[in-house]
Amino acid sequence: VLAALGAGDQLSAPENLAYDVAPRGADERRALMEATAAALCPVMPVWFGGGAAATNELARRLGVTINLWNATPDRVREVAATGPVSWAGPVPHDLSATLDALCDAGATWAVLSPQVDVDQLGEWRRTQPETRFH
């Protein structure tokens, strides 16, 4: 189990409304993320949704992984230079090449949508050293 936390933005407003989560300012949302991460880091991995510079800086200060949504390998490399980074996104057209590029860029995890071709993913994983990706 890992805790994936996000500060939220306009894209998550409908979900917040559906679950009756009150709107809050960005600084207040980051303070809640910080308190939650501080409580959970001793017992499980914590990921922060990458985005605003202030959120990424908080992630680095706390030593948590920054999860990037559909980022390019260059962006992954840039963020990985400062600490752990994971990648999430839709299934890419060339799954194997994309996963190779993300590994080479420093991503430690790749989270794919359920539409991934499981056989193709399994074949890619079987050809990788155990040290590549989780």
N, C-alpha and C. Protein backbone atom coordinates (compact mmCIF):
# COMPACT_ATOMS: atom_id res chain seq x y z
N VAL A 1 0.86 -1.18 0.00
CA VAL A 1 0.00 0.00 0.00
C VAL A 1 0.89 1.22 0.00
N LEU A 2 0.49 2.20 -0.78
CA LEU A 2 1.15 3.50 -0.73
C LEU A 2 0.08 4.57 -0.69
N ALA A 3 0.45 5.72 -0.18
CA ALA A 3 -0.50 6.85 -0.09
C ALA A 3 -0.18 7.81 -1.22
N ALA A 4 -1.13 8.03 -2.10
CA ALA A 4 -0.98 8.98 -3.21
C ALA A 4 -1.82 10.20 -2.87
N LEU A 5 -1.16 11.32 -2.65
CA LEU A 5 -1.83 12.54 -2.21
C LEU A 5 -1.70 13.62 -3.27
N GLY A 6 -2.73 14.43 -3.39
CA GLY A 6 -2.69 15.54 -4.33
C GLY A 6 -3.26 16.79 -3.69
N ALA A 7 -2.79 17.93 -4.15
CA ALA A 7 -3.29 19.21 -3.63
C ALA A 7 -4.61 19.59 -4.28
N GLY A 8 -4.93 18.96 -5.39
CA GLY A 8 -6.18 19.27 -6.08
C GLY A 8 -6.05 20.53 -6.93
N ASP A 9 -6.90 20.62 -7.90
CA ASP A 9 -6.96 21.78 -8.80
C ASP A 9 -8.35 21.82 -9.41
N GLN A 10 -8.53 22.65 -10.41
CA GLN A 10 -9.86 22.76 -11.04
C GLN A 10 -10.32 21.42 -11.62
N LEU A 11 -9.39 20.59 -12.06
CA LEU A 11 -9.77 19.30 -12.64
C LEU A 11 -10.39 18.36 -11.61
N SER A 12 -10.02 18.53 -10.34
CA SER A 12 -10.58 17.65 -9.31
C SER A 12 -11.81 18.26 -8.62
N ALA A 13 -12.21 19.45 -9.02
CA ALA A 13 -13.36 20.10 -8.39
C ALA A 13 -14.64 19.26 -8.45
N PRO A 14 -14.99 18.66 -9.60
CA PRO A 14 -16.21 17.84 -9.63
C PRO A 14 -16.15 16.64 -8.66
N GLU A 15 -14.98 16.03 -8.55
CA GLU A 15 -14.83 14.90 -7.63
C GLU A 15 -14.99 15.38 -6.18
N ASN A 16 -14.36 16.51 -5.87
CA ASN A 16 -14.49 17.06 -4.51
C ASN A 16 -15.95 17.37 -4.18
N LEU A 17 -16.64 17.96 -5.12
CA LEU A 17 -18.06 18.27 -4.94
C LEU A 17 -18.86 16.99 -4.70
N ALA A 18 -18.60 15.95 -5.48
CA ALA A 18 -19.32 14.69 -5.36
C ALA A 18 -19.12 14.05 -3.98
N TYR A 19 -17.92 14.23 -3.40
CA TYR A 19 -17.62 13.64 -2.10
C TYR A 19 -17.74 14.64 -0.96
N ASP A 20 -18.33 15.81 -1.25
CA ASP A 20 -18.58 16.84 -0.25
C ASP A 20 -17.29 17.32 0.43
N VAL A 21 -16.23 17.45 -0.36
CA VAL A 21 -14.97 17.99 0.14
C VAL A 21 -15.01 19.51 -0.09
N ALA A 22 -14.90 20.24 0.99
CA ALA A 22 -15.01 21.70 0.92
C ALA A 22 -13.83 22.29 0.14
N PRO A 23 -14.12 23.32 -0.66
CA PRO A 23 -13.02 24.00 -1.36
C PRO A 23 -12.08 24.68 -0.37
N ARG A 24 -10.78 24.61 -0.66
CA ARG A 24 -9.76 25.24 0.19
C ARG A 24 -8.71 25.86 -0.70
N GLY A 25 -8.00 26.82 -0.18
CA GLY A 25 -6.92 27.45 -0.91
C GLY A 25 -5.73 26.50 -1.06
N ALA A 26 -4.87 26.80 -2.02
CA ALA A 26 -3.72 25.94 -2.30
C ALA A 26 -2.81 25.78 -1.09
N ASP A 27 -2.55 26.85 -0.37
CA ASP A 27 -1.66 26.74 0.80
C ASP A 27 -2.26 25.84 1.87
N GLU A 28 -3.57 25.94 2.08
CA GLU A 28 -4.23 25.09 3.07
C GLU A 28 -4.20 23.62 2.62
N ARG A 29 -4.42 23.39 1.33
CA ARG A 29 -4.38 22.01 0.82
C ARG A 29 -2.98 21.42 0.98
N ARG A 30 -1.94 22.22 0.72
CA ARG A 30 -0.58 21.72 0.89
C ARG A 30 -0.27 21.46 2.37
N ALA A 31 -0.80 22.28 3.27
CA ALA A 31 -0.59 22.05 4.70
C ALA A 31 -1.22 20.72 5.12
N LEU A 32 -2.40 20.42 4.57
CA LEU A 32 -3.03 19.13 4.85
C LEU A 32 -2.21 17.97 4.29
N MET A 33 -1.65 18.16 3.10
CA MET A 33 -0.79 17.13 2.51
C MET A 33 0.42 16.89 3.39
N GLU A 34 1.01 17.98 3.87
CA GLU A 34 2.20 17.87 4.72
C GLU A 34 1.89 17.10 6.00
N ALA A 35 0.79 17.44 6.66
CA ALA A 35 0.42 16.75 7.90
C ALA A 35 0.14 15.27 7.63
N THR A 36 -0.55 14.98 6.56
CA THR A 36 -0.88 13.59 6.22
C THR A 36 0.39 12.81 5.90
N ALA A 37 1.27 13.41 5.09
CA ALA A 37 2.52 12.73 4.73
C ALA A 37 3.38 12.50 5.97
N ALA A 38 3.45 13.47 6.86
CA ALA A 38 4.26 13.31 8.07
C ALA A 38 3.75 12.14 8.91
N ALA A 39 2.44 11.96 8.94
CA ALA A 39 1.87 10.86 9.71
C ALA A 39 2.08 9.51 9.02
N LEU A 40 2.07 9.51 7.67
CA LEU A 40 2.13 8.24 6.95
C LEU A 40 3.53 7.79 6.55
N CYS A 41 4.44 8.73 6.35
CA CYS A 41 5.79 8.36 5.88
C CYS A 41 6.47 7.29 6.74
N PRO A 42 6.29 7.29 8.05
CA PRO A 42 6.95 6.25 8.83
C PRO A 42 6.41 4.84 8.58
N VAL A 43 5.21 4.74 7.99
CA VAL A 43 4.61 3.41 7.85
C VAL A 43 4.33 2.98 6.42
N MET A 44 4.47 3.88 5.44
CA MET A 44 4.23 3.49 4.05
C MET A 44 4.83 4.52 3.10
N PRO A 45 5.07 4.12 1.85
CA PRO A 45 5.53 5.09 0.86
C PRO A 45 4.44 6.14 0.60
N VAL A 46 4.87 7.36 0.34
CA VAL A 46 3.95 8.46 0.04
C VAL A 46 4.35 9.08 -1.29
N TRP A 47 3.37 9.32 -2.14
CA TRP A 47 3.55 10.02 -3.41
C TRP A 47 2.74 11.30 -3.38
N PHE A 48 3.30 12.35 -3.95
CA PHE A 48 2.57 13.60 -4.17
C PHE A 48 2.35 13.77 -5.66
N GLY A 49 1.16 14.18 -6.04
CA GLY A 49 0.91 14.53 -7.42
C GLY A 49 1.75 15.74 -7.78
N GLY A 50 2.62 15.58 -8.78
CA GLY A 50 3.50 16.67 -9.19
C GLY A 50 2.73 17.78 -9.87
N GLY A 51 3.19 18.96 -9.71
CA GLY A 51 2.50 20.08 -10.33
C GLY A 51 3.15 21.39 -9.95
N ALA A 52 2.49 22.11 -9.09
CA ALA A 52 2.98 23.43 -8.69
C ALA A 52 4.35 23.32 -8.03
N ALA A 53 5.16 24.31 -8.26
CA ALA A 53 6.51 24.32 -7.69
C ALA A 53 6.47 24.18 -6.17
N ALA A 54 5.52 24.83 -5.51
CA ALA A 54 5.44 24.73 -4.05
C ALA A 54 5.13 23.31 -3.60
N THR A 55 4.30 22.60 -4.34
CA THR A 55 3.99 21.20 -4.01
C THR A 55 5.21 20.33 -4.22
N ASN A 56 5.91 20.52 -5.33
CA ASN A 56 7.11 19.74 -5.60
C ASN A 56 8.19 20.01 -4.55
N GLU A 57 8.34 21.27 -4.14
CA GLU A 57 9.33 21.61 -3.11
C GLU A 57 8.97 20.94 -1.78
N LEU A 58 7.69 20.91 -1.44
CA LEU A 58 7.25 20.24 -0.23
C LEU A 58 7.57 18.75 -0.31
N ALA A 59 7.31 18.14 -1.45
CA ALA A 59 7.61 16.72 -1.63
C ALA A 59 9.09 16.45 -1.38
N ARG A 60 9.93 17.29 -1.93
CA ARG A 60 11.37 17.08 -1.76
C ARG A 60 11.80 17.29 -0.31
N ARG A 61 11.22 18.27 0.35
CA ARG A 61 11.55 18.52 1.76
C ARG A 61 11.17 17.32 2.62
N LEU A 62 10.04 16.68 2.29
CA LEU A 62 9.56 15.53 3.05
C LEU A 62 10.17 14.21 2.59
N GLY A 63 10.83 14.22 1.44
CA GLY A 63 11.44 13.00 0.91
C GLY A 63 10.46 12.03 0.29
N VAL A 64 9.34 12.57 -0.24
CA VAL A 64 8.35 11.69 -0.86
C VAL A 64 8.51 11.71 -2.38
N THR A 65 7.96 10.72 -3.03
CA THR A 65 8.02 10.60 -4.48
C THR A 65 7.07 11.60 -5.13
N ILE A 66 7.53 12.22 -6.21
CA ILE A 66 6.66 13.07 -7.02
C ILE A 66 6.13 12.23 -8.17
N ASN A 67 4.82 12.16 -8.29
CA ASN A 67 4.18 11.41 -9.37
C ASN A 67 3.77 12.38 -10.47
N LEU A 68 4.27 12.16 -11.67
CA LEU A 68 3.98 13.03 -12.81
C LEU A 68 2.96 12.38 -13.73
N TRP A 69 1.95 13.14 -14.13
CA TRP A 69 0.92 12.63 -15.01
C TRP A 69 1.32 12.87 -16.46
N ASN A 70 1.49 11.78 -17.21
CA ASN A 70 1.72 11.81 -18.65
C ASN A 70 2.86 12.74 -19.05
N ALA A 71 3.89 12.78 -18.24
CA ALA A 71 5.04 13.65 -18.50
C ALA A 71 5.97 13.02 -19.53
N THR A 72 6.71 13.84 -20.22
CA THR A 72 7.71 13.36 -21.16
C THR A 72 8.90 12.77 -20.39
N PRO A 73 9.66 11.90 -21.01
CA PRO A 73 10.87 11.41 -20.35
C PRO A 73 11.82 12.56 -19.96
N ASP A 74 11.89 13.61 -20.75
CA ASP A 74 12.74 14.75 -20.37
C ASP A 74 12.28 15.39 -19.08
N ARG A 75 10.96 15.53 -18.90
CA ARG A 75 10.43 16.10 -17.66
C ARG A 75 10.69 15.15 -16.50
N VAL A 76 10.53 13.86 -16.72
CA VAL A 76 10.83 12.87 -15.68
C VAL A 76 12.28 12.99 -15.26
N ARG A 77 13.19 13.08 -16.21
CA ARG A 77 14.62 13.22 -15.93
C ARG A 77 14.90 14.46 -15.10
N GLU A 78 14.26 15.56 -15.47
CA GLU A 78 14.44 16.83 -14.75
C GLU A 78 14.02 16.69 -13.28
N VAL A 79 12.86 16.10 -13.05
CA VAL A 79 12.36 15.96 -11.68
C VAL A 79 13.15 14.89 -10.92
N ALA A 80 13.55 13.82 -11.60
CA ALA A 80 14.32 12.75 -10.96
C ALA A 80 15.69 13.22 -10.50
N ALA A 81 16.19 14.30 -11.07
CA ALA A 81 17.48 14.83 -10.65
C ALA A 81 17.44 15.34 -9.22
N THR A 82 16.23 15.61 -8.69
CA THR A 82 16.11 16.15 -7.34
C THR A 82 15.56 15.14 -6.33
N GLY A 83 15.16 13.95 -6.79
CA GLY A 83 14.63 12.94 -5.89
C GLY A 83 13.75 11.95 -6.62
N PRO A 84 13.10 11.06 -5.87
CA PRO A 84 12.31 10.00 -6.51
C PRO A 84 11.11 10.54 -7.30
N VAL A 85 10.87 9.89 -8.45
CA VAL A 85 9.75 10.29 -9.32
C VAL A 85 9.10 9.04 -9.90
N SER A 86 7.79 9.09 -10.00
CA SER A 86 7.04 8.03 -10.68
C SER A 86 6.26 8.68 -11.81
N TRP A 87 5.74 7.85 -12.69
CA TRP A 87 5.00 8.32 -13.87
C TRP A 87 3.66 7.61 -13.92
N ALA A 88 2.63 8.34 -14.30
CA ALA A 88 1.31 7.74 -14.52
C ALA A 88 0.71 8.35 -15.77
N GLY A 89 -0.10 7.58 -16.46
CA GLY A 89 -0.73 8.13 -17.65
C GLY A 89 -1.43 7.08 -18.48
N PRO A 90 -1.98 7.53 -19.59
CA PRO A 90 -2.65 6.59 -20.50
C PRO A 90 -1.61 5.68 -21.16
N VAL A 91 -2.10 4.57 -21.67
CA VAL A 91 -1.20 3.63 -22.33
C VAL A 91 -0.61 4.30 -23.58
N PRO A 92 0.72 4.38 -23.64
CA PRO A 92 1.35 5.01 -24.81
C PRO A 92 1.25 4.12 -26.04
N HIS A 93 1.37 4.75 -27.21
CA HIS A 93 1.31 4.02 -28.48
C HIS A 93 2.38 2.93 -28.53
N ASP A 94 3.61 3.28 -28.19
CA ASP A 94 4.70 2.31 -28.18
C ASP A 94 5.08 2.04 -26.73
N LEU A 95 4.38 1.10 -26.11
CA LEU A 95 4.53 0.82 -24.70
C LEU A 95 5.97 0.51 -24.31
N SER A 96 6.60 -0.41 -25.01
CA SER A 96 7.96 -0.83 -24.64
C SER A 96 8.95 0.33 -24.73
N ALA A 97 8.91 1.08 -25.81
CA ALA A 97 9.83 2.20 -25.98
C ALA A 97 9.60 3.27 -24.91
N THR A 98 8.33 3.51 -24.60
CA THR A 98 8.02 4.52 -23.58
C THR A 98 8.51 4.06 -22.21
N LEU A 99 8.26 2.81 -21.86
CA LEU A 99 8.72 2.31 -20.56
C LEU A 99 10.25 2.33 -20.47
N ASP A 100 10.93 1.97 -21.56
CA ASP A 100 12.39 2.04 -21.58
C ASP A 100 12.86 3.48 -21.34
N ALA A 101 12.23 4.43 -22.03
CA ALA A 101 12.62 5.83 -21.90
C ALA A 101 12.36 6.35 -20.48
N LEU A 102 11.23 5.96 -19.89
CA LEU A 102 10.92 6.40 -18.53
C LEU A 102 11.90 5.81 -17.52
N CYS A 103 12.25 4.54 -17.69
CA CYS A 103 13.26 3.93 -16.82
C CYS A 103 14.58 4.67 -16.94
N ASP A 104 15.01 4.89 -18.17
CA ASP A 104 16.28 5.57 -18.41
C ASP A 104 16.28 6.99 -17.85
N ALA A 105 15.10 7.61 -17.79
CA ALA A 105 14.98 8.97 -17.27
C ALA A 105 14.96 9.02 -15.75
N GLY A 106 14.78 7.87 -15.12
CA GLY A 106 14.84 7.83 -13.66
C GLY A 106 13.54 7.55 -12.95
N ALA A 107 12.46 7.26 -13.68
CA ALA A 107 11.20 6.91 -13.03
C ALA A 107 11.37 5.57 -12.31
N THR A 108 10.80 5.47 -11.12
CA THR A 108 10.89 4.23 -10.36
C THR A 108 9.62 3.39 -10.47
N TRP A 109 8.54 4.00 -10.91
CA TRP A 109 7.26 3.32 -11.12
C TRP A 109 6.62 3.88 -12.38
N ALA A 110 5.81 3.06 -13.03
CA ALA A 110 4.92 3.53 -14.09
C ALA A 110 3.54 2.96 -13.79
N VAL A 111 2.56 3.84 -13.72
CA VAL A 111 1.18 3.44 -13.45
C VAL A 111 0.41 3.67 -14.74
N LEU A 112 -0.14 2.59 -15.30
CA LEU A 112 -0.82 2.65 -16.59
C LEU A 112 -2.32 2.46 -16.42
N SER A 113 -3.07 2.96 -17.35
CA SER A 113 -4.52 2.80 -17.32
C SER A 113 -4.88 1.33 -17.54
N PRO A 114 -6.09 0.94 -17.16
CA PRO A 114 -6.50 -0.46 -17.29
C PRO A 114 -6.51 -0.98 -18.73
N GLN A 115 -6.45 -0.11 -19.72
CA GLN A 115 -6.49 -0.55 -21.11
C GLN A 115 -5.15 -1.13 -21.59
N VAL A 116 -4.16 -1.21 -20.72
CA VAL A 116 -2.86 -1.73 -21.13
C VAL A 116 -2.99 -3.18 -21.60
N ASP A 117 -2.23 -3.52 -22.63
CA ASP A 117 -2.17 -4.90 -23.11
C ASP A 117 -1.31 -5.68 -22.11
N VAL A 118 -1.95 -6.49 -21.29
CA VAL A 118 -1.27 -7.19 -20.21
C VAL A 118 -0.19 -8.12 -20.74
N ASP A 119 -0.43 -8.79 -21.86
CA ASP A 119 0.59 -9.68 -22.43
C ASP A 119 1.81 -8.89 -22.87
N GLN A 120 1.59 -7.76 -23.53
CA GLN A 120 2.71 -6.92 -23.97
C GLN A 120 3.48 -6.38 -22.77
N LEU A 121 2.76 -5.94 -21.76
CA LEU A 121 3.41 -5.43 -20.55
C LEU A 121 4.21 -6.54 -19.86
N GLY A 122 3.62 -7.71 -19.77
CA GLY A 122 4.32 -8.84 -19.16
C GLY A 122 5.58 -9.21 -19.92
N GLU A 123 5.51 -9.20 -21.24
CA GLU A 123 6.69 -9.51 -22.06
C GLU A 123 7.78 -8.47 -21.83
N TRP A 124 7.40 -7.20 -21.78
CA TRP A 124 8.40 -6.15 -21.52
C TRP A 124 9.04 -6.39 -20.16
N ARG A 125 8.23 -6.68 -19.15
CA ARG A 125 8.76 -6.85 -17.79
C ARG A 125 9.70 -8.03 -17.71
N ARG A 126 9.38 -9.13 -18.41
CA ARG A 126 10.24 -10.33 -18.37
C ARG A 126 11.62 -10.06 -18.95
N THR A 127 11.75 -9.08 -19.81
CA THR A 127 13.04 -8.80 -20.44
C THR A 127 13.88 -7.80 -19.66
N GLN A 128 13.35 -7.30 -18.54
CA GLN A 128 14.03 -6.25 -17.79
C GLN A 128 14.80 -6.81 -16.59
N PRO A 129 15.93 -6.18 -16.27
CA PRO A 129 16.59 -6.54 -15.00
C PRO A 129 15.64 -6.22 -13.84
N GLU A 130 15.80 -6.94 -12.75
CA GLU A 130 14.91 -6.73 -11.61
C GLU A 130 15.04 -5.33 -11.03
N THR A 131 16.10 -4.65 -11.31
CA THR A 131 16.31 -3.31 -10.74
C THR A 131 15.53 -2.24 -11.48
N ARG A 132 14.91 -2.55 -12.61
CA ARG A 132 14.16 -1.55 -13.37
C ARG A 132 12.69 -1.59 -13.01
N PHE A 133 12.20 -0.51 -12.53
CA PHE A 133 10.80 -0.33 -12.16
C PHE A 133 10.36 -1.27 -11.05
N HIS A 134 9.25 -0.87 -10.46
CA HIS A 134 8.58 -1.69 -9.45
C HIS A 134 7.34 -2.26 -10.07
